């Protein structure tokens, strides 16, 4: 009798744990469908504007205070000093399109742009961020490069459907003359 009572208690405890709600941190994760709007850039370009990176929330969630998204490009950003405050970041949050996204900070250095969330930031299904106006010295990449890419990483539960997206196709314009 004592053994069956003990087994019954363990079974009840296991059922209660399975029915308990997920911790708050699990509900706060945000998964983004990542895509891009690639552009053609000249192989000899010294400050070519590359395509935008688009991050669209696949469900509701919250980017926790202190979390960030890092976009790492395959080349050095020519206008890194221009990314301060909310520069280069736009989108649609809560069905309101905006050229500035409140409660975000963009910074850039070398080949990375970081989007930081200083306070909790709620995303609904379909909300999106667009990182644009990034310029790159394509010439410095060398003549063998045909594609410029952006790698994505996040902290504190921010994830992406694609970790790398193309942002530019490198073309070598030529001039043909017939005489």
Foldseek 3Di string as FASTA:
>chain_A
DVVVVVVVVVVVVVVVVVPDDDDLLVQAAWEWAKAWDAEADELQAAWAWWIKIKTFTQAKHKDAAFKKKKKFKPFFFPPQVPFWAFPQKWWAAPNDTDPGDPQWTWGDDTRMIMIHRNHIDIGGHGTMMMGTPTIGGSNVVDDVDFWMKIAMDIPSNYHYPDRMYTTYGYDHDDDDDDD
